[in-house]
Each structure stands twice: as structure tokens, then as C-alpha cells.
Amino acid sequence: MDSTKATIDKMRLVIPAMLLCMIGDYCIGIEPRNSEPLGTFAGTGWLTIADWRIALSDFTGAIGSVLYAIGAVAFIRWLLAHLHTKTKAEQIWLRLYTIGLGIGCVSFLYFHIACGGLIHHFKLLYEATGSNLAQTTDYWGRMFLPEAIPFFALFIVFDVLTSAAWTALILLRVFPVSRWLILAAPVISAAIGTLPDLLPLPVSGINAGFESLGWLMMFACGIRIIEKGAT
């Protein structure tokens, strides 16, 4: 019982961790409504993101990553020790889920620093080129090219893998929670977050924090699973 309580207490740290990450997400995700896309990721709205917002995003990402790691490691240990699978498919999905949780220990910090860095570099290039957007976009694209492979590879393994495994484990009834909680999968919650951008709001990027919100909900469900004594 003491071990279970200790696990739950550590997992609860993920709640403030994800709230911090959401603050960081919005620091670099909110842009004016009239922002125009430039290339694949960049946009004119990046020029409105102050350096202090980037710094705050890095800071919240760092603190959030530490708190997340404590909760994630505790959850992984509990899952591997107490959650028994009945089929090979269930075992594979559970392993993939724990791998995704483990990768998250470094991913939150990486994405906050990487995204903040990309925005900051774009702003510096804009100044260096004398406010030439076409030249800035070209230089920025060439700079981002070598970072694209690890960026997207980590996203696929981290977010997509964890979301797929979470969905499968709920559908297979390995996780005894309501099926609608599939919506807590980070990729799905991020997709839901795009809906507010359809509204005539003065800013865009409302979806920026919805991925982190999905992680928060997923760990809240994990606490419930442990409290139910799933075996």
C-alpha cells in the first residue's frame, strides 16, 4: 500500500509538470491572427514573439521535464510490475507504451528548446538580412534541414507511438477506463485543440497547449488505473 501511494504521489507531479509545459507552449505558440505562413513551419507571427517568451518557454520546459520524469518512471515501474497482459498483442502495446513514456523524459525539454531556438534564429536572420522575408525564409529552411530528421523522428516515436499504444490498451481493455478517454491521447488532444482556431479570435495558436493537456489527462487516468488496482 505504501508503495502504491508513493507511486501515485510521484505521478501527481506530472500535473504541475504539464501545466508548466502548457505555459511554455503558449509562450511560443500564440501569434496574431493575421500571421502569414512562410515555408513549412515559419510564419510572420514569429517576429512578434519576444525573447523573454522564448526564455520562459525553455525554463518551464526544463522544470516540467524533471517533474514529468519522476512521475513517468514511477508509472513505468508500476505498469511493468503489476499490469499483466493476456496476449502477445497486449504485451507488445504495453511495452511500446512504456517506451513512449520513457522517451518523454527528454522529449519535453528537447521540443521546448528546439522550437524556441527555431523561432529565435528566424528573428535573428530577419534582422541580419535587413528585414528580407524571402531571404530569411530561405536561410532558415537550410538551417532547419539537418534538424528535421531528429525532430520528426522523435515526434513520431514520442507522440504518435504513445498515442497509438494508449488507444490500443484502452480498446483491448488492458486499461480499465472509459473508451472516450482515448481522447486523452496527445495526438488526438492536439487535433481537438485546432478547433478553437476556427473561431474569429484575435490570436491563433490556441491549440499550442492541448498536446500537453492530453499528457496531463493521460496521467490522471493512470492514477485512476492504479487506484482501481488493475492487474
C-alpha atoms as a PDB file:
ATOM      1  CA  MET A   1       0.000   0.000   0.000  1.00  0.00           C
ATOM      2  CA  ASP A   2       2.825   2.370   0.866  1.00  0.00           C
ATOM      3  CA  SER A   3       4.464   1.547  -2.465  1.00  0.00           C
ATOM      4  CA  THR A   4       1.236   2.297  -4.339  1.00  0.00           C
ATOM      5  CA  LYS A   5       0.805   5.612  -2.527  1.00  0.00           C
ATOM      6  CA  ALA A   6       4.399   6.580  -3.306  1.00  0.00           C
ATOM      7  CA  THR A   7       3.828   5.793  -6.985  1.00  0.00           C
ATOM      8  CA  ILE A   8       0.659   7.888  -7.106  1.00  0.00           C
ATOM      9  CA  ASP A   9       2.332  10.785  -5.281  1.00  0.00           C
ATOM     10  CA  LYS A  10       5.128  10.808  -7.869  1.00  0.00           C
ATOM     11  CA  MET A  11       2.674  10.574 -10.751  1.00  0.00           C
ATOM     12  CA  ARG A  12       0.792  13.581  -9.421  1.00  0.00           C
ATOM     13  CA  LEU A  13       3.907  15.644 -10.160  1.00  0.00           C
ATOM     14  CA  VAL A  14       3.052  15.270 -13.835  1.00  0.00           C
ATOM     15  CA  ILE A  15       0.052  17.571 -13.321  1.00  0.00           C
ATOM     16  CA  PRO A  16       2.132  20.678 -12.431  1.00  0.00           C
ATOM     17  CA  ALA A  17       4.715  19.485 -14.965  1.00  0.00           C
ATOM     18  CA  MET A  18       2.216  19.637 -17.816  1.00  0.00           C
ATOM     19  CA  LEU A  19       0.741  22.920 -16.592  1.00  0.00           C
ATOM     20  CA  LEU A  20       4.255  24.384 -16.798  1.00  0.00           C
ATOM     21  CA  CYS A  21       4.707  22.906 -20.262  1.00  0.00           C
ATOM     22  CA  MET A  22       1.385  24.411 -21.334  1.00  0.00           C
ATOM     23  CA  ILE A  23       2.594  27.834 -20.191  1.00  0.00           C
ATOM     24  CA  GLY A  24       5.723  27.306 -22.272  1.00  0.00           C
ATOM     25  CA  ASP A  25       3.662  26.080 -25.229  1.00  0.00           C
ATOM     26  CA  TYR A  26       1.570  29.233 -25.239  1.00  0.00           C
ATOM     27  CA  CYS A  27       4.614  31.473 -24.785  1.00  0.00           C
ATOM     28  CA  ILE A  28       5.892  30.409 -28.205  1.00  0.00           C
ATOM     29  CA  GLY A  29       2.624  29.256 -29.763  1.00  0.00           C
ATOM     30  CA  ILE A  30       0.336  32.289 -29.599  1.00  0.00           C
ATOM     31  CA  GLU A  31       0.564  34.549 -32.651  1.00  0.00           C
ATOM     32  CA  PRO A  32      -1.518  37.388 -34.112  1.00  0.00           C
ATOM     33  CA  ARG A  33      -4.469  36.217 -36.168  1.00  0.00           C
ATOM     34  CA  ASN A  34      -3.157  37.855 -39.332  1.00  0.00           C
ATOM     35  CA  SER A  35       0.128  35.920 -39.287  1.00  0.00           C
ATOM     36  CA  GLU A  36       1.108  34.514 -42.668  1.00  0.00           C
ATOM     37  CA  PRO A  37       2.861  31.146 -43.172  1.00  0.00           C
ATOM     38  CA  LEU A  38       6.356  31.163 -44.636  1.00  0.00           C
ATOM     39  CA  GLY A  39       7.533  27.789 -45.865  1.00  0.00           C
ATOM     40  CA  THR A  40       6.844  24.641 -43.839  1.00  0.00           C
ATOM     41  CA  PHE A  41       6.824  25.900 -40.251  1.00  0.00           C
ATOM     42  CA  ALA A  42       7.860  29.526 -40.085  1.00  0.00           C
ATOM     43  CA  GLY A  43       5.436  32.414 -40.142  1.00  0.00           C
ATOM     44  CA  THR A  44       5.394  36.162 -39.842  1.00  0.00           C
ATOM     45  CA  GLY A  45       3.884  35.768 -36.375  1.00  0.00           C
ATOM     46  CA  TRP A  46       7.240  34.521 -35.106  1.00  0.00           C
ATOM     47  CA  LEU A  47       8.553  38.062 -35.387  1.00  0.00           C
ATOM     48  CA  THR A  48       6.101  39.125 -32.658  1.00  0.00           C
ATOM     49  CA  ILE A  49       7.355  36.558 -30.120  1.00  0.00           C
ATOM     50  CA  ALA A  50       9.583  38.385 -27.640  1.00  0.00           C
ATOM     51  CA  ASP A  51      12.834  36.825 -26.435  1.00  0.00           C
ATOM     52  CA  TRP A  52      11.542  36.654 -22.861  1.00  0.00           C
ATOM     53  CA  ARG A  53       8.717  34.402 -24.048  1.00  0.00           C
ATOM     54  CA  ILE A  54      11.225  32.026 -25.612  1.00  0.00           C
ATOM     55  CA  ALA A  55      13.337  32.045 -22.440  1.00  0.00           C
ATOM     56  CA  LEU A  56      10.280  31.380 -20.270  1.00  0.00           C
ATOM     57  CA  SER A  57       9.264  28.508 -22.533  1.00  0.00           C
ATOM     58  CA  ASP A  58      12.723  26.948 -22.147  1.00  0.00           C
ATOM     59  CA  PHE A  59      12.574  27.370 -18.367  1.00  0.00           C
ATOM     60  CA  THR A  60       9.103  25.886 -17.950  1.00  0.00           C
ATOM     61  CA  GLY A  61      10.054  23.052 -20.288  1.00  0.00           C
ATOM     62  CA  ALA A  62      13.117  22.255 -18.181  1.00  0.00           C
ATOM     63  CA  ILE A  63      11.260  22.225 -14.849  1.00  0.00           C
ATOM     64  CA  GLY A  64       8.338  20.375 -16.390  1.00  0.00           C
ATOM     65  CA  SER A  65      10.666  17.719 -17.812  1.00  0.00           C
ATOM     66  CA  VAL A  66      12.192  16.988 -14.406  1.00  0.00           C
ATOM     67  CA  LEU A  67       8.791  16.649 -12.739  1.00  0.00           C
ATOM     68  CA  TYR A  68       7.494  14.546 -15.628  1.00  0.00           C
ATOM     69  CA  ALA A  69      10.474  12.190 -15.436  1.00  0.00           C
ATOM     70  CA  ILE A  70       9.814  11.476 -11.754  1.00  0.00           C
ATOM     71  CA  GLY A  71       6.177  10.620 -12.443  1.00  0.00           C
ATOM     72  CA  ALA A  72       6.822   8.722 -15.662  1.00  0.00           C
ATOM     73  CA  VAL A  73       9.488   6.434 -14.187  1.00  0.00           C
ATOM     74  CA  ALA A  74       7.167   5.596 -11.282  1.00  0.00           C
ATOM     75  CA  PHE A  75       4.303   4.817 -13.689  1.00  0.00           C
ATOM     76  CA  ILE A  76       6.504   2.671 -15.935  1.00  0.00           C
ATOM     77  CA  ARG A  77       7.728   0.621 -12.985  1.00  0.00           C
ATOM     78  CA  TRP A  78       4.178   0.081 -11.759  1.00  0.00           C
ATOM     79  CA  LEU A  79       2.918  -0.937 -15.202  1.00  0.00           C
ATOM     80  CA  LEU A  80       5.688  -3.482 -15.737  1.00  0.00           C
ATOM     81  CA  ALA A  81       5.346  -4.910 -12.226  1.00  0.00           C
ATOM     82  CA  HIS A  82       1.573  -5.040 -11.779  1.00  0.00           C
ATOM     83  CA  LEU A  83      -0.207  -4.921 -15.126  1.00  0.00           C
ATOM     84  CA  HIS A  84      -0.331  -8.443 -16.530  1.00  0.00           C
ATOM     85  CA  THR A  85      -1.147  -8.925 -20.209  1.00  0.00           C
ATOM     86  CA  LYS A  86      -3.022 -11.938 -21.566  1.00  0.00           C
ATOM     87  CA  THR A  87      -1.989 -11.915 -25.214  1.00  0.00           C
ATOM     88  CA  LYS A  88       1.115 -11.164 -27.257  1.00  0.00           C
ATOM     89  CA  ALA A  89      -0.580  -8.112 -28.763  1.00  0.00           C
ATOM     90  CA  GLU A  90      -1.356  -6.690 -25.330  1.00  0.00           C
ATOM     91  CA  GLN A  91       2.233  -7.275 -24.234  1.00  0.00           C
ATOM     92  CA  ILE A  92       3.625  -5.527 -27.311  1.00  0.00           C
ATOM     93  CA  TRP A  93       1.355  -2.493 -26.903  1.00  0.00           C
ATOM     94  CA  LEU A  94       2.193  -2.220 -23.215  1.00  0.00           C
ATOM     95  CA  ARG A  95       5.920  -2.310 -23.987  1.00  0.00           C
ATOM     96  CA  LEU A  96       5.523   0.316 -26.692  1.00  0.00           C
ATOM     97  CA  TYR A  97       3.550   2.494 -24.288  1.00  0.00           C
ATOM     98  CA  THR A  98       6.257   2.327 -21.623  1.00  0.00           C
ATOM     99  CA  ILE A  99       8.888   3.121 -24.261  1.00  0.00           C
ATOM    100  CA  GLY A 100       6.913   6.215 -25.261  1.00  0.00           C
ATOM    101  CA  LEU A 101       6.608   7.287 -21.625  1.00  0.00           C
ATOM    102  CA  GLY A 102      10.352   6.845 -21.158  1.00  0.00           C
ATOM    103  CA  ILE A 103      11.262   8.875 -24.232  1.00  0.00           C
ATOM    104  CA  GLY A 104       9.111  11.659 -22.833  1.00  0.00           C
ATOM    105  CA  CYS A 105      11.711  12.185 -20.090  1.00  0.00           C
ATOM    106  CA  VAL A 106      13.871  14.038 -22.606  1.00  0.00           C
ATOM    107  CA  SER A 107      11.326  14.997 -25.257  1.00  0.00           C
ATOM    108  CA  PHE A 108       9.520  17.812 -23.463  1.00  0.00           C
ATOM    109  CA  LEU A 109      12.756  19.693 -22.839  1.00  0.00           C
ATOM    110  CA  TYR A 110      14.015  18.967 -26.366  1.00  0.00           C
ATOM    111  CA  PHE A 111      10.905  20.265 -28.116  1.00  0.00           C
ATOM    112  CA  HIS A 112      10.692  23.418 -25.997  1.00  0.00           C
ATOM    113  CA  ILE A 113      14.344  24.284 -26.624  1.00  0.00           C
ATOM    114  CA  ALA A 114      14.236  23.224 -30.286  1.00  0.00           C
ATOM    115  CA  CYS A 115      11.065  25.157 -31.123  1.00  0.00           C
ATOM    116  CA  GLY A 116      12.182  28.206 -29.161  1.00  0.00           C
ATOM    117  CA  GLY A 117      15.556  28.081 -30.888  1.00  0.00           C
ATOM    118  CA  LEU A 118      13.990  27.880 -34.339  1.00  0.00           C
ATOM    119  CA  ILE A 119      11.901  30.968 -33.626  1.00  0.00           C
ATOM    120  CA  HIS A 120      14.850  32.887 -32.182  1.00  0.00           C
ATOM    121  CA  HIS A 121      17.072  32.003 -35.148  1.00  0.00           C
ATOM    122  CA  PHE A 122      14.364  33.150 -37.550  1.00  0.00           C
ATOM    123  CA  LYS A 123      14.163  36.521 -35.813  1.00  0.00           C
ATOM    124  CA  LEU A 124      17.953  36.944 -35.883  1.00  0.00           C
ATOM    125  CA  LEU A 125      18.102  36.046 -39.577  1.00  0.00           C
ATOM    126  CA  TYR A 126      15.340  38.565 -40.264  1.00  0.00           C
ATOM    127  CA  GLU A 127      17.430  41.290 -38.652  1.00  0.00           C
ATOM    128  CA  ALA A 128      20.644  40.146 -40.363  1.00  0.00           C
ATOM    129  CA  THR A 129      19.035  40.188 -43.828  1.00  0.00           C
ATOM    130  CA  GLY A 130      17.652  43.680 -43.376  1.00  0.00           C
ATOM    131  CA  SER A 131      14.055  42.501 -42.910  1.00  0.00           C
ATOM    132  CA  ASN A 132      14.073  40.478 -46.139  1.00  0.00           C
ATOM    133  CA  LEU A 133      11.434  37.781 -45.542  1.00  0.00           C
ATOM    134  CA  ALA A 134      12.235  35.729 -48.652  1.00  0.00           C
ATOM    135  CA  GLN A 135      15.939  35.569 -47.840  1.00  0.00           C
ATOM    136  CA  THR A 136      15.221  34.913 -44.168  1.00  0.00           C
ATOM    137  CA  THR A 137      12.909  32.008 -45.008  1.00  0.00           C
ATOM    138  CA  ASP A 138      15.489  30.514 -47.371  1.00  0.00           C
ATOM    139  CA  TYR A 139      18.338  30.711 -44.837  1.00  0.00           C
ATOM    140  CA  TRP A 140      16.113  29.415 -42.053  1.00  0.00           C
ATOM    141  CA  GLY A 141      14.968  26.452 -44.155  1.00  0.00           C
ATOM    142  CA  ARG A 142      18.575  25.483 -44.883  1.00  0.00           C
ATOM    143  CA  MET A 143      19.413  25.788 -41.196  1.00  0.00           C
ATOM    144  CA  PHE A 144      16.440  23.621 -40.162  1.00  0.00           C
ATOM    145  CA  LEU A 145      17.143  20.872 -42.726  1.00  0.00           C
ATOM    146  CA  PRO A 146      19.717  18.898 -40.656  1.00  0.00           C
ATOM    147  CA  GLU A 147      17.467  19.200 -37.595  1.00  0.00           C
ATOM    148  CA  ALA A 148      14.356  17.971 -39.393  1.00  0.00           C
ATOM    149  CA  ILE A 149      15.156  14.241 -39.234  1.00  0.00           C
ATOM    150  CA  PRO A 150      15.687  14.001 -35.444  1.00  0.00           C
ATOM    151  CA  PHE A 151      12.826  16.469 -34.898  1.00  0.00           C
ATOM    152  CA  PHE A 152      10.244  14.425 -36.798  1.00  0.00           C
ATOM    153  CA  ALA A 153      11.683  11.051 -35.773  1.00  0.00           C
ATOM    154  CA  LEU A 154      11.379  11.953 -32.106  1.00  0.00           C
ATOM    155  CA  PHE A 155       7.864  13.295 -32.649  1.00  0.00           C
ATOM    156  CA  ILE A 156       6.752  10.049 -34.301  1.00  0.00           C
ATOM    157  CA  VAL A 157       8.286   7.806 -31.641  1.00  0.00           C
ATOM    158  CA  PHE A 158       7.243  10.041 -28.759  1.00  0.00           C
ATOM    159  CA  ASP A 159       3.767  11.373 -29.519  1.00  0.00           C
ATOM    160  CA  VAL A 160       2.429   9.082 -32.238  1.00  0.00           C
ATOM    161  CA  LEU A 161       3.696   5.854 -30.657  1.00  0.00           C
ATOM    162  CA  THR A 162       2.440   6.758 -27.183  1.00  0.00           C
ATOM    163  CA  SER A 163      -0.947   7.852 -28.541  1.00  0.00           C
ATOM    164  CA  ALA A 164      -1.355   4.666 -30.595  1.00  0.00           C
ATOM    165  CA  ALA A 165      -0.390   2.469 -27.647  1.00  0.00           C
ATOM    166  CA  TRP A 166      -2.695   4.353 -25.257  1.00  0.00           C
ATOM    167  CA  THR A 167      -5.587   3.914 -27.695  1.00  0.00           C
ATOM    168  CA  ALA A 168      -4.874   0.208 -28.214  1.00  0.00           C
ATOM    169  CA  LEU A 169      -4.569  -0.546 -24.492  1.00  0.00           C
ATOM    170  CA  ILE A 170      -7.948   1.081 -23.831  1.00  0.00           C
ATOM    171  CA  LEU A 171      -9.652  -0.735 -26.720  1.00  0.00           C
ATOM    172  CA  LEU A 172      -8.127  -4.051 -25.604  1.00  0.00           C
ATOM    173  CA  ARG A 173      -9.385  -3.342 -22.059  1.00  0.00           C
ATOM    174  CA  VAL A 174      -5.892  -3.622 -20.615  1.00  0.00           C
ATOM    175  CA  PHE A 175      -6.558  -0.186 -19.153  1.00  0.00           C
ATOM    176  CA  PRO A 176      -9.952  -0.351 -17.388  1.00  0.00           C
ATOM    177  CA  VAL A 177     -11.113   3.157 -18.253  1.00  0.00           C
ATOM    178  CA  SER A 178     -13.943   4.501 -20.401  1.00  0.00           C
ATOM    179  CA  ARG A 179     -13.309   4.377 -24.133  1.00  0.00           C
ATOM    180  CA  TRP A 180     -13.932   8.109 -24.534  1.00  0.00           C
ATOM    181  CA  LEU A 181     -10.651   8.668 -22.665  1.00  0.00           C
ATOM    182  CA  ILE A 182      -8.924   7.721 -25.898  1.00  0.00           C
ATOM    183  CA  LEU A 183      -9.335  11.466 -26.486  1.00  0.00           C
ATOM    184  CA  ALA A 184      -6.555  11.996 -23.925  1.00  0.00           C
ATOM    185  CA  ALA A 185      -4.026  10.597 -26.409  1.00  0.00           C
ATOM    186  CA  PRO A 186      -1.659  13.536 -27.059  1.00  0.00           C
ATOM    187  CA  VAL A 187      -2.034  13.454 -30.844  1.00  0.00           C
ATOM    188  CA  ILE A 188      -5.829  13.380 -30.556  1.00  0.00           C
ATOM    189  CA  SER A 189      -5.974  16.136 -27.926  1.00  0.00           C
ATOM    190  CA  ALA A 190      -3.692  18.260 -30.121  1.00  0.00           C
ATOM    191  CA  ALA A 191      -6.045  17.720 -33.070  1.00  0.00           C
ATOM    192  CA  ILE A 192      -9.023  18.746 -30.930  1.00  0.00           C
ATOM    193  CA  GLY A 193      -7.091  21.871 -29.991  1.00  0.00           C
ATOM    194  CA  THR A 194      -7.195  23.083 -33.594  1.00  0.00           C
ATOM    195  CA  LEU A 195     -10.958  23.640 -33.340  1.00  0.00           C
ATOM    196  CA  PRO A 196     -10.746  26.946 -31.381  1.00  0.00           C
ATOM    197  CA  ASP A 197      -8.638  28.376 -34.217  1.00  0.00           C
ATOM    198  CA  LEU A 198     -11.744  28.152 -36.395  1.00  0.00           C
ATOM    199  CA  LEU A 199     -13.340  30.838 -34.228  1.00  0.00           C
ATOM    200  CA  PRO A 200     -12.854  34.548 -35.072  1.00  0.00           C
ATOM    201  CA  LEU A 201     -10.391  35.178 -32.244  1.00  0.00           C
ATOM    202  CA  PRO A 202      -7.730  37.934 -32.304  1.00  0.00           C
ATOM    203  CA  VAL A 203      -4.946  35.344 -31.969  1.00  0.00           C
ATOM    204  CA  SER A 204      -4.111  31.926 -33.392  1.00  0.00           C
ATOM    205  CA  GLY A 205      -2.273  29.049 -31.749  1.00  0.00           C
ATOM    206  CA  ILE A 206      -4.883  28.181 -29.118  1.00  0.00           C
ATOM    207  CA  ASN A 207      -4.041  24.543 -29.837  1.00  0.00           C
ATOM    208  CA  ALA A 208      -0.452  25.021 -28.632  1.00  0.00           C
ATOM    209  CA  GLY A 209      -1.095  23.664 -25.137  1.00  0.00           C
ATOM    210  CA  PHE A 210      -3.559  20.895 -25.988  1.00  0.00           C
ATOM    211  CA  GLU A 211      -0.896  18.237 -26.520  1.00  0.00           C
ATOM    212  CA  SER A 212       0.460  18.810 -23.008  1.00  0.00           C
ATOM    213  CA  LEU A 213      -3.135  18.790 -21.750  1.00  0.00           C
ATOM    214  CA  GLY A 214      -3.508  15.330 -23.256  1.00  0.00           C
ATOM    215  CA  TRP A 215      -0.477  14.109 -21.305  1.00  0.00           C
ATOM    216  CA  LEU A 216      -1.936  15.581 -18.126  1.00  0.00           C
ATOM    217  CA  MET A 217      -5.235  13.766 -18.706  1.00  0.00           C
ATOM    218  CA  MET A 218      -3.441  10.531 -19.560  1.00  0.00           C
ATOM    219  CA  PHE A 219      -1.533  10.534 -16.273  1.00  0.00           C
ATOM    220  CA  ALA A 220      -4.685  11.440 -14.354  1.00  0.00           C
ATOM    221  CA  CYS A 221      -6.212   8.313 -15.896  1.00  0.00           C
ATOM    222  CA  GLY A 222      -3.087   6.375 -14.949  1.00  0.00           C
ATOM    223  CA  ILE A 223      -3.557   7.366 -11.319  1.00  0.00           C
ATOM    224  CA  ARG A 224      -7.138   6.137 -11.541  1.00  0.00           C
ATOM    225  CA  ILE A 225      -5.953   2.824 -13.015  1.00  0.00           C
ATOM    226  CA  ILE A 226      -3.591   2.299 -10.094  1.00  0.00           C
ATOM    227  CA  GLU A 227      -6.261   3.258  -7.586  1.00  0.00           C
ATOM    228  CA  LYS A 228      -8.558   0.647  -9.117  1.00  0.00           C
ATOM    229  CA  GLY A 229      -5.810  -1.908  -8.582  1.00  0.00           C
ATOM    230  CA  ALA A 230      -5.715  -3.038 -12.194  1.00  0.00           C
ATOM    231  CA  THR A 231      -3.953  -6.379 -12.599  1.00  0.00           C
END
